Amino acid sequence: MSSDPADSRIDATVPHPARVWDYWLGGKDFYTPDRQVGDLILAVTPDLAVIARAEREFLGRVVRLAAESGIRQFLDVGTGIPSTENTHEVAQRAAPEARIVYVDNDPVVLAHARALLRGTPEGATAYLDADLRAPQAILEGAARTLDLGRPVCLMLLGILEFVPNLAQAYSAVRTLREALAPGSLLAVASSVRSPSMEAAAAVWNRRGGTPVTLRTSEEIAGFLSEMEPLSPGVVSLPQWRPEAATRYTDRDLYQYGGAAWKA
């Protein structure tokens, strides 16, 4: 039996967003209730499996852009269960000396921290057990690995919808971005309101342990306020700076994202 304290916090009987997302990505770290609710959601919103993959590709494009722009520090809040092309893999492939801090308060992710902690010897990869709603704790923990006096790529992908109060979500993100040095990059991605996503949210909120709150694209863009937005703004993820290998560019998926520089 594992001695990891996170194991005692895992309730395998209640669907968990990180495990359902892992199921949609084709992973293996989920339980029967996660698969069951994942299938129920796919029955009303089949695009969610595609959205999961599109968000992973969006992450890669953001990390590559940051690395190409000279950023060598990455703060990934709400990282989820390790999958392919994790932040540290993409960043350290471009710059082996890159330093990455993963942040999550999910015991399932905590139990998989060992997988996240394998980076290059030239760089650093760390895991922080913290909550987006306590941004000061994130900053204090991240500062043990990152130099917050230098530019950081801050990523908030698929996490903002799990903070139901919009004012609280804006306040938390504001605290994080105000602590970033000039030249930092903030990237966000979140589910937007649409009939299909509302149907999916209704299924999840009836069966899941962590309620999800959908927002408008304008509300998502508000997380990037007072920064210098990158074109094309907040758009469906595959339409944000697509590369040659980017999939689903012909589809309007209702997971929107964007990024902005701190001047």
C-alpha atoms as a PDB file:
ATOM      1  CA  MET A   1       0.000   0.000   0.000  1.00  0.00           C
ATOM      2  CA  SER A   2       1.280   3.457  -0.898  1.00  0.00           C
ATOM      3  CA  SER A   3       2.410   5.752   1.891  1.00  0.00           C
ATOM      4  CA  ASP A   4       1.756   8.859  -0.207  1.00  0.00           C
ATOM      5  CA  PRO A   5      -0.542  11.111   1.895  1.00  0.00           C
ATOM      6  CA  ALA A   6      -2.365  12.121  -1.277  1.00  0.00           C
ATOM      7  CA  ASP A   7      -3.722   8.583  -1.628  1.00  0.00           C
ATOM      8  CA  SER A   8      -5.962   9.045   1.416  1.00  0.00           C
ATOM      9  CA  ARG A   9      -7.589  12.070  -0.256  1.00  0.00           C
ATOM     10  CA  ILE A  10      -8.599  10.187  -3.423  1.00  0.00           C
ATOM     11  CA  ASP A  11     -12.267   9.208  -3.635  1.00  0.00           C
ATOM     12  CA  ALA A  12     -12.554   6.724  -6.491  1.00  0.00           C
ATOM     13  CA  THR A  13     -16.368   6.683  -6.206  1.00  0.00           C
ATOM     14  CA  VAL A  14     -16.834  10.327  -7.255  1.00  0.00           C
ATOM     15  CA  PRO A  15     -15.958  11.449 -10.813  1.00  0.00           C
ATOM     16  CA  HIS A  16     -13.026  13.815 -10.881  1.00  0.00           C
ATOM     17  CA  PRO A  17     -12.351  16.357 -13.668  1.00  0.00           C
ATOM     18  CA  ALA A  18      -8.666  15.446 -14.006  1.00  0.00           C
ATOM     19  CA  ARG A  19      -9.479  11.738 -14.363  1.00  0.00           C
ATOM     20  CA  VAL A  20     -12.333  12.337 -16.827  1.00  0.00           C
ATOM     21  CA  TRP A  21     -10.029  14.569 -18.889  1.00  0.00           C
ATOM     22  CA  ASP A  22      -7.414  11.805 -18.801  1.00  0.00           C
ATOM     23  CA  TYR A  23     -10.044   9.362 -20.087  1.00  0.00           C
ATOM     24  CA  TRP A  24     -10.919  11.676 -22.974  1.00  0.00           C
ATOM     25  CA  LEU A  25      -7.215  12.020 -23.820  1.00  0.00           C
ATOM     26  CA  GLY A  26      -6.913   8.243 -24.059  1.00  0.00           C
ATOM     27  CA  GLY A  27      -5.042   7.870 -20.776  1.00  0.00           C
ATOM     28  CA  LYS A  28      -5.317   5.127 -18.179  1.00  0.00           C
ATOM     29  CA  ASP A  29      -5.481   6.962 -14.840  1.00  0.00           C
ATOM     30  CA  PHE A  30      -9.240   6.935 -14.287  1.00  0.00           C
ATOM     31  CA  TYR A  31     -11.841   4.851 -12.471  1.00  0.00           C
ATOM     32  CA  THR A  32     -15.170   3.414 -13.568  1.00  0.00           C
ATOM     33  CA  PRO A  33     -17.224   6.447 -12.354  1.00  0.00           C
ATOM     34  CA  ASP A  34     -14.943   8.740 -14.378  1.00  0.00           C
ATOM     35  CA  ARG A  35     -15.431   6.681 -17.531  1.00  0.00           C
ATOM     36  CA  GLN A  36     -19.188   6.483 -16.947  1.00  0.00           C
ATOM     37  CA  VAL A  37     -19.690  10.231 -16.560  1.00  0.00           C
ATOM     38  CA  GLY A  38     -17.200  10.860 -19.375  1.00  0.00           C
ATOM     39  CA  ASP A  39     -19.334   8.721 -21.689  1.00  0.00           C
ATOM     40  CA  LEU A  40     -22.529  10.455 -20.550  1.00  0.00           C
ATOM     41  CA  ILE A  41     -21.005  13.828 -21.381  1.00  0.00           C
ATOM     42  CA  LEU A  42     -19.713  12.636 -24.745  1.00  0.00           C
ATOM     43  CA  ALA A  43     -23.230  11.431 -25.550  1.00  0.00           C
ATOM     44  CA  VAL A  44     -24.488  15.032 -25.381  1.00  0.00           C
ATOM     45  CA  THR A  45     -21.261  16.815 -26.426  1.00  0.00           C
ATOM     46  CA  PRO A  46     -19.070  14.537 -28.562  1.00  0.00           C
ATOM     47  CA  ASP A  47     -16.623  17.365 -29.218  1.00  0.00           C
ATOM     48  CA  LEU A  48     -15.242  17.229 -25.670  1.00  0.00           C
ATOM     49  CA  ALA A  49     -12.799  14.454 -26.528  1.00  0.00           C
ATOM     50  CA  VAL A  50     -11.594  16.629 -29.405  1.00  0.00           C
ATOM     51  CA  ILE A  51     -11.449  19.667 -27.106  1.00  0.00           C
ATOM     52  CA  ALA A  52      -9.186  17.802 -24.691  1.00  0.00           C
ATOM     53  CA  ARG A  53      -6.720  17.104 -27.495  1.00  0.00           C
ATOM     54  CA  ALA A  54      -7.023  20.641 -28.899  1.00  0.00           C
ATOM     55  CA  GLU A  55      -6.180  22.128 -25.506  1.00  0.00           C
ATOM     56  CA  ARG A  56      -3.070  19.942 -25.276  1.00  0.00           C
ATOM     57  CA  GLU A  57      -1.965  21.236 -28.689  1.00  0.00           C
ATOM     58  CA  PHE A  58      -2.692  24.832 -27.591  1.00  0.00           C
ATOM     59  CA  LEU A  59      -0.435  24.282 -24.574  1.00  0.00           C
ATOM     60  CA  GLY A  60       2.371  23.184 -26.868  1.00  0.00           C
ATOM     61  CA  ARG A  61       2.037  26.250 -29.101  1.00  0.00           C
ATOM     62  CA  VAL A  62       2.053  28.603 -26.106  1.00  0.00           C
ATOM     63  CA  VAL A  63       5.119  26.968 -24.561  1.00  0.00           C
ATOM     64  CA  ARG A  64       7.022  26.992 -27.847  1.00  0.00           C
ATOM     65  CA  LEU A  65       6.169  30.662 -28.411  1.00  0.00           C
ATOM     66  CA  ALA A  66       7.374  31.546 -24.907  1.00  0.00           C
ATOM     67  CA  ALA A  67      10.609  29.586 -25.336  1.00  0.00           C
ATOM     68  CA  GLU A  68      11.265  31.109 -28.759  1.00  0.00           C
ATOM     69  CA  SER A  69      10.774  34.533 -27.152  1.00  0.00           C
ATOM     70  CA  GLY A  70      13.474  33.810 -24.568  1.00  0.00           C
ATOM     71  CA  ILE A  71      11.324  32.815 -21.589  1.00  0.00           C
ATOM     72  CA  ARG A  72      12.915  30.047 -19.534  1.00  0.00           C
ATOM     73  CA  GLN A  73      10.445  29.831 -16.632  1.00  0.00           C
ATOM     74  CA  PHE A  74       6.965  28.293 -16.711  1.00  0.00           C
ATOM     75  CA  LEU A  75       4.193  28.254 -14.104  1.00  0.00           C
ATOM     76  CA  ASP A  76       1.435  25.784 -15.050  1.00  0.00           C
ATOM     77  CA  VAL A  77      -1.569  26.140 -12.718  1.00  0.00           C
ATOM     78  CA  GLY A  78      -4.154  23.365 -12.866  1.00  0.00           C
ATOM     79  CA  THR A  79      -1.873  21.010 -14.722  1.00  0.00           C
ATOM     80  CA  GLY A  80      -3.962  17.834 -14.457  1.00  0.00           C
ATOM     81  CA  ILE A  81      -2.754  14.254 -14.774  1.00  0.00           C
ATOM     82  CA  PRO A  82       0.474  13.850 -16.764  1.00  0.00           C
ATOM     83  CA  SER A  83      -0.139  13.078 -20.417  1.00  0.00           C
ATOM     84  CA  THR A  84       1.907  13.452 -23.581  1.00  0.00           C
ATOM     85  CA  GLU A  85       3.673  16.712 -24.366  1.00  0.00           C
ATOM     86  CA  ASN A  86       3.585  18.076 -20.820  1.00  0.00           C
ATOM     87  CA  THR A  87       4.825  21.614 -20.240  1.00  0.00           C
ATOM     88  CA  HIS A  88       8.285  20.603 -19.063  1.00  0.00           C
ATOM     89  CA  GLU A  89       8.762  18.253 -22.018  1.00  0.00           C
ATOM     90  CA  VAL A  90       7.924  20.926 -24.591  1.00  0.00           C
ATOM     91  CA  ALA A  91       9.853  23.677 -22.781  1.00  0.00           C
ATOM     92  CA  GLN A  92      12.987  21.671 -22.058  1.00  0.00           C
ATOM     93  CA  ARG A  93      13.066  20.290 -25.584  1.00  0.00           C
ATOM     94  CA  ALA A  94      13.405  23.887 -26.764  1.00  0.00           C
ATOM     95  CA  ALA A  95      15.592  25.015 -23.853  1.00  0.00           C
ATOM     96  CA  PRO A  96      17.042  22.273 -21.595  1.00  0.00           C
ATOM     97  CA  GLU A  97      17.709  24.844 -18.854  1.00  0.00           C
ATOM     98  CA  ALA A  98      14.016  25.761 -18.557  1.00  0.00           C
ATOM     99  CA  ARG A  99      12.491  25.706 -15.078  1.00  0.00           C
ATOM    100  CA  ILE A 100       8.896  24.570 -14.587  1.00  0.00           C
ATOM    101  CA  VAL A 101       6.529  24.600 -11.618  1.00  0.00           C
ATOM    102  CA  TYR A 102       3.313  22.606 -11.852  1.00  0.00           C
ATOM    103  CA  VAL A 103       0.479  23.639  -9.520  1.00  0.00           C
ATOM    104  CA  ASP A 104      -2.619  21.660  -8.605  1.00  0.00           C
ATOM    105  CA  ASN A 105      -4.653  20.876  -5.497  1.00  0.00           C
ATOM    106  CA  ASP A 106      -5.938  17.593  -6.907  1.00  0.00           C
ATOM    107  CA  PRO A 107      -4.820  14.516  -4.913  1.00  0.00           C
ATOM    108  CA  VAL A 108      -4.889  12.440  -8.092  1.00  0.00           C
ATOM    109  CA  VAL A 109      -2.354  14.733  -9.718  1.00  0.00           C
ATOM    110  CA  LEU A 110      -0.333  14.815  -6.501  1.00  0.00           C
ATOM    111  CA  ALA A 111      -0.168  11.027  -6.600  1.00  0.00           C
ATOM    112  CA  HIS A 112       1.349  11.281 -10.085  1.00  0.00           C
ATOM    113  CA  ALA A 113       3.854  13.984  -9.147  1.00  0.00           C
ATOM    114  CA  ARG A 114       6.808  11.678  -9.634  1.00  0.00           C
ATOM    115  CA  ALA A 115       6.060  11.562 -13.356  1.00  0.00           C
ATOM    116  CA  LEU A 116       5.980  15.358 -13.498  1.00  0.00           C
ATOM    117  CA  LEU A 117       9.247  15.710 -11.625  1.00  0.00           C
ATOM    118  CA  ARG A 118      11.383  14.117 -14.325  1.00  0.00           C
ATOM    119  CA  GLY A 119      13.030  16.886 -16.275  1.00  0.00           C
ATOM    120  CA  THR A 120      16.429  17.654 -17.723  1.00  0.00           C
ATOM    121  CA  PRO A 121      19.468  17.856 -15.433  1.00  0.00           C
ATOM    122  CA  GLU A 122      20.155  21.359 -16.771  1.00  0.00           C
ATOM    123  CA  GLY A 123      16.732  22.651 -15.745  1.00  0.00           C
ATOM    124  CA  ALA A 124      14.275  22.155 -12.904  1.00  0.00           C
ATOM    125  CA  THR A 125      10.797  20.669 -12.611  1.00  0.00           C
ATOM    126  CA  ALA A 126       8.808  21.025  -9.393  1.00  0.00           C
ATOM    127  CA  TYR A 127       5.282  20.349  -8.175  1.00  0.00           C
ATOM    128  CA  LEU A 128       3.273  22.574  -5.842  1.00  0.00           C
ATOM    129  CA  ASP A 129       0.145  21.445  -4.005  1.00  0.00           C
ATOM    130  CA  ALA A 130      -1.881  24.681  -4.036  1.00  0.00           C
ATOM    131  CA  ASP A 131      -5.204  26.192  -5.095  1.00  0.00           C
ATOM    132  CA  LEU A 132      -5.803  28.934  -7.674  1.00  0.00           C
ATOM    133  CA  ARG A 133      -8.089  30.616  -5.150  1.00  0.00           C
ATOM    134  CA  ALA A 134      -5.044  31.151  -2.901  1.00  0.00           C
ATOM    135  CA  PRO A 135      -2.725  32.906  -5.382  1.00  0.00           C
ATOM    136  CA  GLN A 136      -0.309  34.232  -2.779  1.00  0.00           C
ATOM    137  CA  ALA A 137       0.488  30.677  -1.693  1.00  0.00           C
ATOM    138  CA  ILE A 138       1.169  29.795  -5.340  1.00  0.00           C
ATOM    139  CA  LEU A 139       3.579  32.700  -5.673  1.00  0.00           C
ATOM    140  CA  GLU A 140       5.392  31.857  -2.445  1.00  0.00           C
ATOM    141  CA  GLY A 141       5.743  28.214  -3.422  1.00  0.00           C
ATOM    142  CA  ALA A 142       6.766  28.945  -7.013  1.00  0.00           C
ATOM    143  CA  ALA A 143       9.462  31.339  -5.821  1.00  0.00           C
ATOM    144  CA  ARG A 144      11.367  28.373  -4.389  1.00  0.00           C
ATOM    145  CA  THR A 145      12.052  27.231  -7.978  1.00  0.00           C
ATOM    146  CA  LEU A 146      11.454  30.273 -10.179  1.00  0.00           C
ATOM    147  CA  ASP A 147      12.983  33.754 -10.108  1.00  0.00           C
ATOM    148  CA  LEU A 148       9.877  35.933 -10.221  1.00  0.00           C
ATOM    149  CA  GLY A 149      12.064  38.915 -11.006  1.00  0.00           C
ATOM    150  CA  ARG A 150      12.537  37.440 -14.494  1.00  0.00           C
ATOM    151  CA  PRO A 151       9.883  36.680 -17.145  1.00  0.00           C
ATOM    152  CA  VAL A 152       7.574  33.720 -16.585  1.00  0.00           C
ATOM    153  CA  CYS A 153       5.047  32.020 -18.834  1.00  0.00           C
ATOM    154  CA  LEU A 154       1.938  31.600 -16.660  1.00  0.00           C
ATOM    155  CA  MET A 155      -0.624  29.113 -17.973  1.00  0.00           C
ATOM    156  CA  LEU A 156      -4.206  28.768 -16.719  1.00  0.00           C
ATOM    157  CA  LEU A 157      -5.690  26.138 -19.012  1.00  0.00           C
ATOM    158  CA  GLY A 158      -8.918  24.343 -18.168  1.00  0.00           C
ATOM    159  CA  ILE A 159      -8.894  25.595 -14.573  1.00  0.00           C
ATOM    160  CA  LEU A 160     -10.751  28.922 -14.578  1.00  0.00           C
ATOM    161  CA  GLU A 161     -14.151  27.291 -15.092  1.00  0.00           C
ATOM    162  CA  PHE A 162     -13.744  25.548 -11.737  1.00  0.00           C
ATOM    163  CA  VAL A 163     -13.756  28.887  -9.875  1.00  0.00           C
ATOM    164  CA  PRO A 164     -17.494  29.656  -9.923  1.00  0.00           C
ATOM    165  CA  ASN A 165     -17.318  33.263  -8.717  1.00  0.00           C
ATOM    166  CA  LEU A 166     -16.074  35.433 -11.582  1.00  0.00           C
ATOM    167  CA  ALA A 167     -14.915  38.246  -9.311  1.00  0.00           C
ATOM    168  CA  GLN A 168     -12.863  35.791  -7.262  1.00  0.00           C
ATOM    169  CA  ALA A 169     -11.386  34.289 -10.409  1.00  0.00           C
ATOM    170  CA  TYR A 170     -10.435  37.740 -11.756  1.00  0.00           C
ATOM    171  CA  SER A 171      -8.901  38.688  -8.401  1.00  0.00           C
ATOM    172  CA  ALA A 172      -6.801  35.524  -8.222  1.00  0.00           C
ATOM    173  CA  VAL A 173      -5.471  35.957 -11.764  1.00  0.00           C
ATOM    174  CA  ARG A 174      -4.785  39.649 -11.133  1.00  0.00           C
ATOM    175  CA  THR A 175      -2.686  38.769  -8.068  1.00  0.00           C
ATOM    176  CA  LEU A 176      -0.657  36.286 -10.114  1.00  0.00           C
ATOM    177  CA  ARG A 177      -0.093  38.514 -13.132  1.00  0.00           C
ATOM    178  CA  GLU A 178       0.828  41.554 -11.020  1.00  0.00           C
ATOM    179  CA  ALA A 179       3.642  39.504  -9.487  1.00  0.00           C
ATOM    180  CA  LEU A 180       5.073  38.659 -12.915  1.00  0.00           C
ATOM    181  CA  ALA A 181       8.076  40.521 -14.312  1.00  0.00           C
ATOM    182  CA  PRO A 182       7.764  42.580 -17.498  1.00  0.00           C
ATOM    183  CA  GLY A 183       8.146  40.375 -20.540  1.00  0.00           C
ATOM    184  CA  SER A 184       6.069  37.596 -18.985  1.00  0.00           C
ATOM    185  CA  LEU A 185       3.355  35.794 -20.926  1.00  0.00           C
ATOM    186  CA  LEU A 186      -0.085  34.835 -19.602  1.00  0.00           C
ATOM    187  CA  ALA A 187      -2.134  32.195 -21.447  1.00  0.00           C
ATOM    188  CA  VAL A 188      -5.704  31.179 -20.587  1.00  0.00           C
ATOM    189  CA  ALA A 189      -8.167  28.613 -21.942  1.00  0.00           C
ATOM    190  CA  SER A 190     -11.673  27.948 -20.711  1.00  0.00           C
ATOM    191  CA  SER A 191     -15.043  26.550 -21.753  1.00  0.00           C
ATOM    192  CA  VAL A 192     -17.468  29.044 -23.296  1.00  0.00           C
ATOM    193  CA  ARG A 193     -21.231  29.108 -23.215  1.00  0.00           C
ATOM    194  CA  SER A 194     -22.995  27.275 -26.008  1.00  0.00           C
ATOM    195  CA  PRO A 195     -25.955  24.877 -26.089  1.00  0.00           C
ATOM    196  CA  SER A 196     -23.675  21.840 -26.362  1.00  0.00           C
ATOM    197  CA  MET A 197     -21.323  22.937 -23.559  1.00  0.00           C
ATOM    198  CA  GLU A 198     -24.262  23.851 -21.345  1.00  0.00           C
ATOM    199  CA  ALA A 199     -25.620  20.336 -21.853  1.00  0.00           C
ATOM    200  CA  ALA A 200     -22.236  18.886 -20.914  1.00  0.00           C
ATOM    201  CA  ALA A 201     -21.959  21.139 -17.852  1.00  0.00           C
ATOM    202  CA  ALA A 202     -25.424  20.071 -16.701  1.00  0.00           C
ATOM    203  CA  VAL A 203     -24.437  16.391 -16.848  1.00  0.00           C
ATOM    204  CA  TRP A 204     -21.176  17.058 -15.027  1.00  0.00           C
ATOM    205  CA  ASN A 205     -22.738  19.254 -12.338  1.00  0.00           C
ATOM    206  CA  ARG A 206     -25.290  16.538 -11.569  1.00  0.00           C
ATOM    207  CA  ARG A 207     -22.634  13.831 -11.278  1.00  0.00           C
ATOM    208  CA  GLY A 208     -19.301  15.504 -10.556  1.00  0.00           C
ATOM    209  CA  GLY A 209     -17.672  16.624  -7.349  1.00  0.00           C
ATOM    210  CA  THR A 210     -16.351  19.998  -8.585  1.00  0.00           C
ATOM    211  CA  PRO A 211     -18.962  22.208 -10.310  1.00  0.00           C
ATOM    212  CA  VAL A 212     -18.088  23.854 -13.606  1.00  0.00           C
ATOM    213  CA  THR A 213     -19.139  27.398 -14.591  1.00  0.00           C
ATOM    214  CA  LEU A 214     -19.239  28.397 -18.252  1.00  0.00           C
ATOM    215  CA  ARG A 215     -18.342  31.935 -19.345  1.00  0.00           C
ATOM    216  CA  THR A 216     -18.514  34.122 -22.426  1.00  0.00           C
ATOM    217  CA  SER A 217     -15.506  34.771 -24.630  1.00  0.00           C
ATOM    218  CA  GLU A 218     -15.564  38.377 -23.396  1.00  0.00           C
ATOM    219  CA  GLU A 219     -15.351  37.208 -19.785  1.00  0.00           C
ATOM    220  CA  ILE A 220     -12.419  34.958 -20.670  1.00  0.00           C
ATOM    221  CA  ALA A 221     -10.697  37.869 -22.400  1.00  0.00           C
ATOM    222  CA  GLY A 222     -11.093  39.794 -19.142  1.00  0.00           C
ATOM    223  CA  PHE A 223      -8.403  37.609 -17.566  1.00  0.00           C
ATOM    224  CA  LEU A 224      -5.928  39.183 -20.010  1.00  0.00           C
ATOM    225  CA  SER A 225      -6.969  42.770 -19.294  1.00  0.00           C
ATOM    226  CA  GLU A 226      -4.301  45.426 -18.741  1.00  0.00           C
ATOM    227  CA  MET A 227      -1.853  43.346 -20.790  1.00  0.00           C
ATOM    228  CA  GLU A 228      -0.784  43.398 -24.441  1.00  0.00           C
ATOM    229  CA  PRO A 229      -2.927  40.753 -26.197  1.00  0.00           C
ATOM    230  CA  LEU A 230      -1.482  38.593 -28.946  1.00  0.00           C
ATOM    231  CA  SER A 231      -3.436  38.289 -32.158  1.00  0.00           C
ATOM    232  CA  PRO A 232      -5.899  36.811 -32.909  1.00  0.00           C
ATOM    233  CA  GLY A 233      -7.216  37.462 -29.378  1.00  0.00           C
ATOM    234  CA  VAL A 234      -9.416  34.977 -27.524  1.00  0.00           C
ATOM    235  CA  VAL A 235     -10.671  32.432 -30.055  1.00  0.00           C
ATOM    236  CA  SER A 236     -11.504  28.754 -30.437  1.00  0.00           C
ATOM    237  CA  LEU A 237      -8.291  26.951 -29.492  1.00  0.00           C
ATOM    238  CA  PRO A 238      -7.360  25.458 -32.889  1.00  0.00           C
ATOM    239  CA  GLN A 239      -7.673  28.927 -34.428  1.00  0.00           C
ATOM    240  CA  TRP A 240      -5.093  30.455 -32.087  1.00  0.00           C
ATOM    241  CA  ARG A 241      -1.830  30.704 -34.041  1.00  0.00           C
ATOM    242  CA  PRO A 242      -2.168  27.282 -35.711  1.00  0.00           C
ATOM    243  CA  GLU A 243       0.948  25.472 -36.866  1.00  0.00           C
ATOM    244  CA  ALA A 244       1.275  23.059 -39.778  1.00  0.00           C
ATOM    245  CA  ALA A 245       0.459  20.085 -37.541  1.00  0.00           C
ATOM    246  CA  THR A 246      -2.443  21.749 -35.680  1.00  0.00           C
ATOM    247  CA  ARG A 247      -5.626  19.706 -35.922  1.00  0.00           C
ATOM    248  CA  TYR A 248      -9.297  20.764 -35.988  1.00  0.00           C
ATOM    249  CA  THR A 249      -8.652  24.198 -37.520  1.00  0.00           C
ATOM    250  CA  ASP A 250     -11.829  23.847 -39.567  1.00  0.00           C
ATOM    251  CA  ARG A 251     -13.966  23.492 -36.439  1.00  0.00           C
ATOM    252  CA  ASP A 252     -15.302  26.038 -33.955  1.00  0.00           C
ATOM    253  CA  LEU A 253     -14.685  24.239 -30.685  1.00  0.00           C
ATOM    254  CA  TYR A 254     -16.227  25.816 -27.591  1.00  0.00           C
ATOM    255  CA  GLN A 255     -12.999  25.903 -25.623  1.00  0.00           C
ATOM    256  CA  TYR A 256     -11.563  29.371 -26.150  1.00  0.00           C
ATOM    257  CA  GLY A 257      -8.170  30.742 -25.293  1.00  0.00           C
ATOM    258  CA  GLY A 258      -5.626  33.438 -25.844  1.00  0.00           C
ATOM    259  CA  ALA A 259      -2.459  34.978 -24.491  1.00  0.00           C
ATOM    260  CA  ALA A 260      -1.020  38.380 -23.638  1.00  0.00           C
ATOM    261  CA  TRP A 261       2.344  39.934 -22.752  1.00  0.00           C
ATOM    262  CA  LYS A 262       3.058  41.922 -19.624  1.00  0.00           C
ATOM    263  CA  ALA A 263       4.668  45.209 -20.617  1.00  0.00           C
END
